[in-house]
Amino acid sequence: MIAVIGATGNVGRALVHRLVAANSPVRALTRDPERSGLPAQADTVRFQLDDPAPLFTGVTRLFLYAHATTPALLDTARRAGVQHVVLLSSGIIADGADETHPIHIVHATAEQHIRDSGLTWTFLRPNAFAGNAFQWAPQIRAGNTVRGVFANSLTAPIHEDDIAAVAERVLLDEGHENTAHRLTGPESISNTEQITAIGQAIGRPLDYVEVPPDQAGPELFPHVPPHMLEGMLKIFAATVDTPPEITTTVEGITGVPARPFSIWAKDHADDFR
């Protein structure tokens, strides 16, 4: 059986649906099973860090994210029979990266905990998530103008279901042990072009108005903890007019090319209406 921690997150939910469709036994761990909306075929149970041992009974493979990765949880999983861990890490883990950045610290620490656990592992290191565009959803629902930083910031955002597709294959197939996979979308796209794509998906034109970074506050980044915002803005500034890393890892592992941002926008059009 495969256990998925964070089963109601964007990637975790997509992964649970994929594993159910593949008829692979899956235990979905979430803090609120009754409101999870996950498939009935999944064994959806409450994720309780104070008593994790029963969660891993019969589980041999585990998918989790950095904030849930602790030595105690990994030790419990190993003792229960888990053999392989797949971590949703971050593309910020790279040669030459700023190792003092809070996001780097969180994910590098999680990776090291897993290396030290005695379990085999696979690290998935996506760069920009297409789902980062949800930060603009309140503005788009309210009107046709989107205020944001760095109009010409270039990224290669990846669809969450493409990350889940890679995770599915890594969990079900052999040959990915003790390997890190860098994941990106298939094309470079600016913030302005992302807004245009969302406008096309919802059927009305949208305009992107650039805001100086020193005027960007929580209202523009409601999901970013305040202590991390300055570091995030430094990362975004470095992407202006700079071609992003683009990998073919999604296609190499799944056999299907990664989807462009325009497809993601169509898939999530209702979230912006």
C-alpha atoms as a PDB file:
ATOM      1  CA  MET A   1       0.000   0.000   0.000  1.00  0.00           C
ATOM      2  CA  ILE A   2       1.035   3.603  -0.666  1.00  0.00           C
ATOM      3  CA  ALA A   3       0.386   6.315   1.923  1.00  0.00           C
ATOM      4  CA  VAL A   4      -0.025   9.934   0.808  1.00  0.00           C
ATOM      5  CA  ILE A   5       0.539  12.635   3.423  1.00  0.00           C
ATOM      6  CA  GLY A   6      -0.979  15.939   2.364  1.00  0.00           C
ATOM      7  CA  ALA A   7      -3.682  14.161   0.392  1.00  0.00           C
ATOM      8  CA  THR A   8      -5.868  17.264   0.025  1.00  0.00           C
ATOM      9  CA  GLY A   9      -3.076  19.469  -1.300  1.00  0.00           C
ATOM     10  CA  ASN A  10      -2.937  20.207  -5.027  1.00  0.00           C
ATOM     11  CA  VAL A  11      -0.338  17.529  -5.778  1.00  0.00           C
ATOM     12  CA  GLY A  12      -1.477  15.063  -3.124  1.00  0.00           C
ATOM     13  CA  ARG A  13      -5.092  15.123  -4.299  1.00  0.00           C
ATOM     14  CA  ALA A  14      -4.074  14.580  -7.917  1.00  0.00           C
ATOM     15  CA  LEU A  15      -1.818  11.705  -6.837  1.00  0.00           C
ATOM     16  CA  VAL A  16      -4.584   9.992  -4.843  1.00  0.00           C
ATOM     17  CA  HIS A  17      -6.903  10.180  -7.851  1.00  0.00           C
ATOM     18  CA  ARG A  18      -4.182   8.703 -10.065  1.00  0.00           C
ATOM     19  CA  LEU A  19      -3.435   5.828  -7.709  1.00  0.00           C
ATOM     20  CA  VAL A  20      -7.143   5.014  -7.363  1.00  0.00           C
ATOM     21  CA  ALA A  21      -7.495   5.018 -11.159  1.00  0.00           C
ATOM     22  CA  ALA A  22      -4.516   2.639 -11.344  1.00  0.00           C
ATOM     23  CA  ASN A  23      -6.228   0.308  -8.837  1.00  0.00           C
ATOM     24  CA  SER A  24      -3.290   0.757  -6.488  1.00  0.00           C
ATOM     25  CA  PRO A  25      -4.174   0.556  -2.769  1.00  0.00           C
ATOM     26  CA  VAL A  26      -3.744   4.047  -1.309  1.00  0.00           C
ATOM     27  CA  ARG A  27      -4.139   5.467   2.177  1.00  0.00           C
ATOM     28  CA  ALA A  28      -4.885   9.182   2.067  1.00  0.00           C
ATOM     29  CA  LEU A  29      -3.760  10.977   5.215  1.00  0.00           C
ATOM     30  CA  THR A  30      -5.498  14.267   5.942  1.00  0.00           C
ATOM     31  CA  ARG A  31      -6.427  16.281   9.004  1.00  0.00           C
ATOM     32  CA  ASP A  32     -10.137  16.352   8.074  1.00  0.00           C
ATOM     33  CA  PRO A  33     -11.201  13.111   6.332  1.00  0.00           C
ATOM     34  CA  GLU A  34     -14.908  13.969   6.452  1.00  0.00           C
ATOM     35  CA  ARG A  35     -14.421  17.084   4.341  1.00  0.00           C
ATOM     36  CA  SER A  36     -11.637  15.780   2.107  1.00  0.00           C
ATOM     37  CA  GLY A  37     -13.711  15.063  -0.999  1.00  0.00           C
ATOM     38  CA  LEU A  38     -11.336  12.252  -1.923  1.00  0.00           C
ATOM     39  CA  PRO A  39     -12.413   9.148  -3.872  1.00  0.00           C
ATOM     40  CA  ALA A  40     -14.329   6.563  -1.872  1.00  0.00           C
ATOM     41  CA  GLN A  41     -11.890   3.881  -3.059  1.00  0.00           C
ATOM     42  CA  ALA A  42      -9.069   5.534  -1.079  1.00  0.00           C
ATOM     43  CA  ASP A  43      -8.563   4.595   2.556  1.00  0.00           C
ATOM     44  CA  THR A  44      -8.894   8.138   3.896  1.00  0.00           C
ATOM     45  CA  VAL A  45      -7.837   8.502   7.534  1.00  0.00           C
ATOM     46  CA  ARG A  46      -7.022  11.306   9.949  1.00  0.00           C
ATOM     47  CA  PHE A  47      -3.358  12.320  10.012  1.00  0.00           C
ATOM     48  CA  GLN A  48      -2.313  12.600  13.658  1.00  0.00           C
ATOM     49  CA  LEU A  49       1.332  13.328  14.350  1.00  0.00           C
ATOM     50  CA  ASP A  50       0.931  12.451  18.017  1.00  0.00           C
ATOM     51  CA  ASP A  51       0.111   8.830  17.125  1.00  0.00           C
ATOM     52  CA  PRO A  52       1.416   8.089  13.611  1.00  0.00           C
ATOM     53  CA  ALA A  53       2.181   4.379  13.978  1.00  0.00           C
ATOM     54  CA  PRO A  54      -1.296   3.043  12.979  1.00  0.00           C
ATOM     55  CA  LEU A  55      -1.204   5.206   9.871  1.00  0.00           C
ATOM     56  CA  PHE A  56       1.563   3.104   8.321  1.00  0.00           C
ATOM     57  CA  THR A  57       0.240  -0.412   8.955  1.00  0.00           C
ATOM     58  CA  GLY A  58       0.609  -2.313   5.683  1.00  0.00           C
ATOM     59  CA  VAL A  59       2.297   0.632   3.950  1.00  0.00           C
ATOM     60  CA  THR A  60       5.513   0.065   2.000  1.00  0.00           C
ATOM     61  CA  ARG A  61       5.813   3.393   0.152  1.00  0.00           C
ATOM     62  CA  LEU A  62       5.171   6.917   1.360  1.00  0.00           C
ATOM     63  CA  PHE A  63       4.628  10.275  -0.354  1.00  0.00           C
ATOM     64  CA  LEU A  64       5.031  13.370   1.793  1.00  0.00           C
ATOM     65  CA  TYR A  65       5.984  17.025   1.788  1.00  0.00           C
ATOM     66  CA  ALA A  66       8.725  18.922   3.589  1.00  0.00           C
ATOM     67  CA  HIS A  67       6.775  20.353   6.522  1.00  0.00           C
ATOM     68  CA  ALA A  68       5.580  16.865   7.514  1.00  0.00           C
ATOM     69  CA  THR A  69       9.077  15.383   7.390  1.00  0.00           C
ATOM     70  CA  THR A  70      10.480  14.774  10.847  1.00  0.00           C
ATOM     71  CA  PRO A  71      12.953  12.172  12.114  1.00  0.00           C
ATOM     72  CA  ALA A  72      10.306  10.778  14.474  1.00  0.00           C
ATOM     73  CA  LEU A  73       7.730  10.284  11.708  1.00  0.00           C
ATOM     74  CA  LEU A  74      10.294   8.683   9.404  1.00  0.00           C
ATOM     75  CA  ASP A  75      11.480   6.350  12.165  1.00  0.00           C
ATOM     76  CA  THR A  76       7.902   5.314  12.881  1.00  0.00           C
ATOM     77  CA  ALA A  77       7.276   4.706   9.178  1.00  0.00           C
ATOM     78  CA  ARG A  78      10.439   2.611   8.847  1.00  0.00           C
ATOM     79  CA  ARG A  79       9.582   0.517  11.898  1.00  0.00           C
ATOM     80  CA  ALA A  80       6.085  -0.086  10.491  1.00  0.00           C
ATOM     81  CA  GLY A  81       7.498  -1.473   7.240  1.00  0.00           C
ATOM     82  CA  VAL A  82       7.764   1.537   4.939  1.00  0.00           C
ATOM     83  CA  GLN A  83      10.698   1.025   2.591  1.00  0.00           C
ATOM     84  CA  HIS A  84      10.686   3.974   0.182  1.00  0.00           C
ATOM     85  CA  VAL A  85       9.863   7.660   0.629  1.00  0.00           C
ATOM     86  CA  VAL A  86       9.007  10.125  -2.140  1.00  0.00           C
ATOM     87  CA  LEU A  87       9.395  13.738  -1.036  1.00  0.00           C
ATOM     88  CA  LEU A  88       7.798  16.719  -2.739  1.00  0.00           C
ATOM     89  CA  SER A  89      10.851  18.939  -2.384  1.00  0.00           C
ATOM     90  CA  SER A  90      11.746  22.123  -4.275  1.00  0.00           C
ATOM     91  CA  GLY A  91      13.800  23.185  -7.256  1.00  0.00           C
ATOM     92  CA  ILE A  92      15.468  25.735  -5.000  1.00  0.00           C
ATOM     93  CA  ILE A  93      17.758  22.861  -4.006  1.00  0.00           C
ATOM     94  CA  ALA A  94      20.383  23.342  -6.704  1.00  0.00           C
ATOM     95  CA  ASP A  95      24.086  23.991  -7.110  1.00  0.00           C
ATOM     96  CA  GLY A  96      24.899  27.578  -6.211  1.00  0.00           C
ATOM     97  CA  ALA A  97      21.582  28.218  -4.455  1.00  0.00           C
ATOM     98  CA  ASP A  98      21.312  30.570  -1.492  1.00  0.00           C
ATOM     99  CA  GLU A  99      21.441  28.052   1.343  1.00  0.00           C
ATOM    100  CA  THR A 100      20.275  30.678   3.844  1.00  0.00           C
ATOM    101  CA  HIS A 101      16.947  31.189   2.093  1.00  0.00           C
ATOM    102  CA  PRO A 102      14.049  29.965   4.287  1.00  0.00           C
ATOM    103  CA  ILE A 103      12.574  27.808   1.513  1.00  0.00           C
ATOM    104  CA  HIS A 104      15.969  26.215   0.874  1.00  0.00           C
ATOM    105  CA  ILE A 105      16.443  25.510   4.567  1.00  0.00           C
ATOM    106  CA  VAL A 106      13.038  23.832   4.930  1.00  0.00           C
ATOM    107  CA  HIS A 107      13.500  21.513   1.948  1.00  0.00           C
ATOM    108  CA  ALA A 108      17.205  20.798   2.420  1.00  0.00           C
ATOM    109  CA  THR A 109      16.503  19.874   6.041  1.00  0.00           C
ATOM    110  CA  ALA A 110      13.679  17.541   5.006  1.00  0.00           C
ATOM    111  CA  GLU A 111      15.890  15.875   2.414  1.00  0.00           C
ATOM    112  CA  GLN A 112      18.644  15.356   4.961  1.00  0.00           C
ATOM    113  CA  HIS A 113      16.220  13.848   7.477  1.00  0.00           C
ATOM    114  CA  ILE A 114      15.186  11.340   4.824  1.00  0.00           C
ATOM    115  CA  ARG A 115      18.772  10.508   3.862  1.00  0.00           C
ATOM    116  CA  ASP A 116      19.507   9.877   7.535  1.00  0.00           C
ATOM    117  CA  SER A 117      16.419   7.698   8.032  1.00  0.00           C
ATOM    118  CA  GLY A 118      17.745   4.511   6.471  1.00  0.00           C
ATOM    119  CA  LEU A 119      14.882   4.500   3.934  1.00  0.00           C
ATOM    120  CA  THR A 120      15.395   4.591   0.191  1.00  0.00           C
ATOM    121  CA  TRP A 121      14.151   7.823  -1.287  1.00  0.00           C
ATOM    122  CA  THR A 122      13.254   9.872  -4.333  1.00  0.00           C
ATOM    123  CA  PHE A 123      13.180  13.672  -4.251  1.00  0.00           C
ATOM    124  CA  LEU A 124      10.898  15.556  -6.649  1.00  0.00           C
ATOM    125  CA  ARG A 125      12.222  19.086  -7.127  1.00  0.00           C
ATOM    126  CA  PRO A 126       9.742  21.193  -9.094  1.00  0.00           C
ATOM    127  CA  ASN A 127      10.504  24.812  -9.845  1.00  0.00           C
ATOM    128  CA  ALA A 128       7.542  27.181 -10.290  1.00  0.00           C
ATOM    129  CA  PHE A 129       4.093  25.670  -9.746  1.00  0.00           C
ATOM    130  CA  ALA A 130       1.369  26.691 -12.178  1.00  0.00           C
ATOM    131  CA  GLY A 131      -0.823  26.854  -9.082  1.00  0.00           C
ATOM    132  CA  ASN A 132       1.108  29.919  -7.910  1.00  0.00           C
ATOM    133  CA  ALA A 133      -1.276  31.785 -10.227  1.00  0.00           C
ATOM    134  CA  PHE A 134      -4.037  31.255  -7.657  1.00  0.00           C
ATOM    135  CA  GLN A 135      -2.554  34.289  -5.881  1.00  0.00           C
ATOM    136  CA  TRP A 136      -4.241  36.398  -8.573  1.00  0.00           C
ATOM    137  CA  ALA A 137      -7.653  34.741  -8.304  1.00  0.00           C
ATOM    138  CA  PRO A 138      -9.270  37.283  -5.909  1.00  0.00           C
ATOM    139  CA  GLN A 139      -8.310  40.171  -8.185  1.00  0.00           C
ATOM    140  CA  ILE A 140      -9.519  38.366 -11.309  1.00  0.00           C
ATOM    141  CA  ARG A 141     -12.850  37.495  -9.718  1.00  0.00           C
ATOM    142  CA  ALA A 142     -13.237  41.164  -8.771  1.00  0.00           C
ATOM    143  CA  GLY A 143     -12.306  42.735 -12.098  1.00  0.00           C
ATOM    144  CA  ASN A 144     -10.147  42.721 -15.203  1.00  0.00           C
ATOM    145  CA  THR A 145      -6.975  44.298 -13.792  1.00  0.00           C
ATOM    146  CA  VAL A 146      -4.334  42.316 -11.936  1.00  0.00           C
ATOM    147  CA  ARG A 147      -1.700  44.082  -9.852  1.00  0.00           C
ATOM    148  CA  GLY A 148       1.530  42.197  -9.309  1.00  0.00           C
ATOM    149  CA  VAL A 149       5.317  42.392  -9.255  1.00  0.00           C
ATOM    150  CA  PHE A 150       7.761  41.839 -12.105  1.00  0.00           C
ATOM    151  CA  ALA A 151       5.608  41.658 -15.233  1.00  0.00           C
ATOM    152  CA  ASN A 152       8.515  40.182 -17.187  1.00  0.00           C
ATOM    153  CA  SER A 153       9.394  37.506 -14.658  1.00  0.00           C
ATOM    154  CA  LEU A 154       9.961  34.327 -16.663  1.00  0.00           C
ATOM    155  CA  THR A 155       9.208  30.856 -15.311  1.00  0.00           C
ATOM    156  CA  ALA A 156       8.317  27.426 -16.677  1.00  0.00           C
ATOM    157  CA  PRO A 157       5.358  26.630 -14.401  1.00  0.00           C
ATOM    158  CA  ILE A 158       4.383  23.005 -13.992  1.00  0.00           C
ATOM    159  CA  HIS A 159       0.854  21.578 -13.771  1.00  0.00           C
ATOM    160  CA  GLU A 160       0.276  19.899 -10.392  1.00  0.00           C
ATOM    161  CA  ASP A 161      -1.061  16.804 -12.148  1.00  0.00           C
ATOM    162  CA  ASP A 162       2.219  16.465 -14.042  1.00  0.00           C
ATOM    163  CA  ILE A 163       4.031  16.375 -10.705  1.00  0.00           C
ATOM    164  CA  ALA A 164       1.502  13.774  -9.536  1.00  0.00           C
ATOM    165  CA  ALA A 165       2.055  11.754 -12.711  1.00  0.00           C
ATOM    166  CA  VAL A 166       5.787  11.614 -11.994  1.00  0.00           C
ATOM    167  CA  ALA A 167       5.113  10.724  -8.351  1.00  0.00           C
ATOM    168  CA  GLU A 168       2.802   7.904  -9.449  1.00  0.00           C
ATOM    169  CA  ARG A 169       5.440   6.317 -11.644  1.00  0.00           C
ATOM    170  CA  VAL A 170       8.172   6.764  -9.027  1.00  0.00           C
ATOM    171  CA  LEU A 171       5.969   5.081  -6.426  1.00  0.00           C
ATOM    172  CA  LEU A 172       4.864   2.207  -8.657  1.00  0.00           C
ATOM    173  CA  ASP A 173       8.006   1.559 -10.708  1.00  0.00           C
ATOM    174  CA  GLU A 174      11.514   0.494  -9.772  1.00  0.00           C
ATOM    175  CA  GLY A 175      14.667   2.360 -10.685  1.00  0.00           C
ATOM    176  CA  HIS A 176      14.134   5.721  -8.956  1.00  0.00           C
ATOM    177  CA  GLU A 177      15.785   4.860  -5.658  1.00  0.00           C
ATOM    178  CA  ASN A 178      18.055   7.522  -4.154  1.00  0.00           C
ATOM    179  CA  THR A 179      17.505   9.876  -7.081  1.00  0.00           C
ATOM    180  CA  ALA A 180      16.451  13.528  -7.325  1.00  0.00           C
ATOM    181  CA  HIS A 181      14.265  14.568 -10.274  1.00  0.00           C
ATOM    182  CA  ARG A 182      14.052  18.213 -11.351  1.00  0.00           C
ATOM    183  CA  LEU A 183      10.622  19.072 -12.746  1.00  0.00           C
ATOM    184  CA  THR A 184       9.413  22.012 -14.839  1.00  0.00           C
ATOM    185  CA  GLY A 185       6.733  22.878 -17.307  1.00  0.00           C
ATOM    186  CA  PRO A 186       7.531  22.769 -21.027  1.00  0.00           C
ATOM    187  CA  GLU A 187       7.800  26.466 -21.852  1.00  0.00           C
ATOM    188  CA  SER A 188       8.965  29.847 -20.637  1.00  0.00           C
ATOM    189  CA  ILE A 189       6.136  32.281 -19.876  1.00  0.00           C
ATOM    190  CA  SER A 190       6.016  35.726 -18.244  1.00  0.00           C
ATOM    191  CA  ASN A 191       3.603  36.908 -15.582  1.00  0.00           C
ATOM    192  CA  THR A 192       1.879  39.062 -18.182  1.00  0.00           C
ATOM    193  CA  GLU A 193       1.483  36.075 -20.498  1.00  0.00           C
ATOM    194  CA  GLN A 194       0.079  33.977 -17.670  1.00  0.00           C
ATOM    195  CA  ILE A 195      -2.589  36.598 -17.038  1.00  0.00           C
ATOM    196  CA  THR A 196      -3.392  36.661 -20.752  1.00  0.00           C
ATOM    197  CA  ALA A 197      -3.773  32.867 -20.756  1.00  0.00           C
ATOM    198  CA  ILE A 198      -6.103  32.976 -17.756  1.00  0.00           C
ATOM    199  CA  GLY A 199      -8.156  35.674 -19.469  1.00  0.00           C
ATOM    200  CA  GLN A 200      -8.491  33.504 -22.561  1.00  0.00           C
ATOM    201  CA  ALA A 201      -9.533  30.554 -20.405  1.00  0.00           C
ATOM    202  CA  ILE A 202     -12.308  32.491 -18.640  1.00  0.00           C
ATOM    203  CA  GLY A 203     -13.429  34.414 -21.715  1.00  0.00           C
ATOM    204  CA  ARG A 204     -12.533  38.013 -20.832  1.00  0.00           C
ATOM    205  CA  PRO A 205      -9.387  40.091 -21.393  1.00  0.00           C
ATOM    206  CA  LEU A 206      -7.194  40.782 -18.384  1.00  0.00           C
ATOM    207  CA  ASP A 207      -4.472  43.384 -17.879  1.00  0.00           C
ATOM    208  CA  TYR A 208      -1.370  43.002 -15.718  1.00  0.00           C
ATOM    209  CA  VAL A 209      -0.221  46.169 -13.928  1.00  0.00           C
ATOM    210  CA  GLU A 210       3.262  45.995 -12.458  1.00  0.00           C
ATOM    211  CA  VAL A 211       3.701  47.061  -8.835  1.00  0.00           C
ATOM    212  CA  PRO A 212       7.147  48.041  -7.454  1.00  0.00           C
ATOM    213  CA  PRO A 213       8.391  45.256  -5.185  1.00  0.00           C
ATOM    214  CA  ASP A 214       8.789  47.644  -2.235  1.00  0.00           C
ATOM    215  CA  GLN A 215       5.030  48.236  -2.418  1.00  0.00           C
ATOM    216  CA  ALA A 216       4.126  44.547  -2.502  1.00  0.00           C
ATOM    217  CA  GLY A 217       2.500  43.370   0.689  1.00  0.00           C
ATOM    218  CA  PRO A 218       0.338  40.563   2.045  1.00  0.00           C
ATOM    219  CA  GLU A 219      -2.606  41.604  -0.122  1.00  0.00           C
ATOM    220  CA  LEU A 220      -0.657  40.481  -3.210  1.00  0.00           C
ATOM    221  CA  PHE A 221       0.780  37.349  -1.560  1.00  0.00           C
ATOM    222  CA  PRO A 222      -1.914  36.138   0.849  1.00  0.00           C
ATOM    223  CA  HIS A 223      -0.477  32.617   1.024  1.00  0.00           C
ATOM    224  CA  VAL A 224       3.147  33.623   1.675  1.00  0.00           C
ATOM    225  CA  PRO A 225       4.171  33.878   5.358  1.00  0.00           C
ATOM    226  CA  PRO A 226       5.314  37.470   6.008  1.00  0.00           C
ATOM    227  CA  HIS A 227       8.794  36.401   7.108  1.00  0.00           C
ATOM    228  CA  MET A 228       9.313  34.665   3.754  1.00  0.00           C
ATOM    229  CA  LEU A 229       8.055  37.441   1.476  1.00  0.00           C
ATOM    230  CA  GLU A 230      11.353  39.316   1.158  1.00  0.00           C
ATOM    231  CA  GLY A 231      13.155  36.132   0.141  1.00  0.00           C
ATOM    232  CA  MET A 232      10.431  35.292  -2.366  1.00  0.00           C
ATOM    233  CA  LEU A 233      10.702  38.733  -3.953  1.00  0.00           C
ATOM    234  CA  LYS A 234      14.468  38.252  -4.355  1.00  0.00           C
ATOM    235  CA  ILE A 235      13.832  34.969  -6.160  1.00  0.00           C
ATOM    236  CA  PHE A 236      11.242  36.615  -8.426  1.00  0.00           C
ATOM    237  CA  ALA A 237      13.557  39.548  -9.194  1.00  0.00           C
ATOM    238  CA  ALA A 238      16.224  37.152 -10.444  1.00  0.00           C
ATOM    239  CA  THR A 239      13.791  35.725 -13.007  1.00  0.00           C
ATOM    240  CA  VAL A 240      13.072  38.998 -14.826  1.00  0.00           C
ATOM    241  CA  ASP A 241      14.018  38.587 -18.506  1.00  0.00           C
ATOM    242  CA  THR A 242      16.033  35.494 -17.525  1.00  0.00           C
ATOM    243  CA  PRO A 243      15.184  32.264 -19.389  1.00  0.00           C
ATOM    244  CA  PRO A 244      14.145  29.622 -16.858  1.00  0.00           C
ATOM    245  CA  GLU A 245      15.386  26.076 -16.508  1.00  0.00           C
ATOM    246  CA  ILE A 246      13.292  23.722 -18.639  1.00  0.00           C
ATOM    247  CA  THR A 247      13.547  19.969 -18.212  1.00  0.00           C
ATOM    248  CA  THR A 248      11.991  17.028 -20.039  1.00  0.00           C
ATOM    249  CA  THR A 249      11.783  14.924 -16.882  1.00  0.00           C
ATOM    250  CA  VAL A 250       7.988  14.662 -16.934  1.00  0.00           C
ATOM    251  CA  GLU A 251       7.973  13.114 -20.398  1.00  0.00           C
ATOM    252  CA  GLY A 252      11.034  11.005 -19.674  1.00  0.00           C
ATOM    253  CA  ILE A 253       9.387   9.353 -16.665  1.00  0.00           C
ATOM    254  CA  THR A 254       5.711   9.278 -17.681  1.00  0.00           C
ATOM    255  CA  GLY A 255       5.960   9.085 -21.471  1.00  0.00           C
ATOM    256  CA  VAL A 256       3.666  12.120 -21.763  1.00  0.00           C
ATOM    257  CA  PRO A 257       4.951  15.690 -22.295  1.00  0.00           C
ATOM    258  CA  ALA A 258       4.381  18.240 -19.561  1.00  0.00           C
ATOM    259  CA  ARG A 259       1.365  20.460 -20.165  1.00  0.00           C
ATOM    260  CA  PRO A 260       1.749  24.175 -20.986  1.00  0.00           C
ATOM    261  CA  PHE A 261       0.339  26.857 -18.709  1.00  0.00           C
ATOM    262  CA  SER A 262      -2.560  27.508 -21.086  1.00  0.00           C
ATOM    263  CA  ILE A 263      -3.854  23.997 -20.391  1.00  0.00           C
ATOM    264  CA  TRP A 264      -3.549  24.538 -16.647  1.00  0.00           C
ATOM    265  CA  ALA A 265      -5.516  27.777 -16.998  1.00  0.00           C
ATOM    266  CA  LYS A 266      -8.319  25.976 -18.854  1.00  0.00           C
ATOM    267  CA  ASP A 267      -8.346  23.192 -16.274  1.00  0.00           C
ATOM    268  CA  HIS A 268      -8.783  25.760 -13.477  1.00  0.00           C
ATOM    269  CA  ALA A 269     -10.916  28.362 -15.243  1.00  0.00           C
ATOM    270  CA  ASP A 270     -13.742  28.002 -12.714  1.00  0.00           C
ATOM    271  CA  ASP A 271     -11.342  28.941  -9.895  1.00  0.00           C
ATOM    272  CA  PHE A 272     -10.953  32.393 -11.454  1.00  0.00           C
ATOM    273  CA  ARG A 273     -14.586  33.108 -12.294  1.00  0.00           C
END
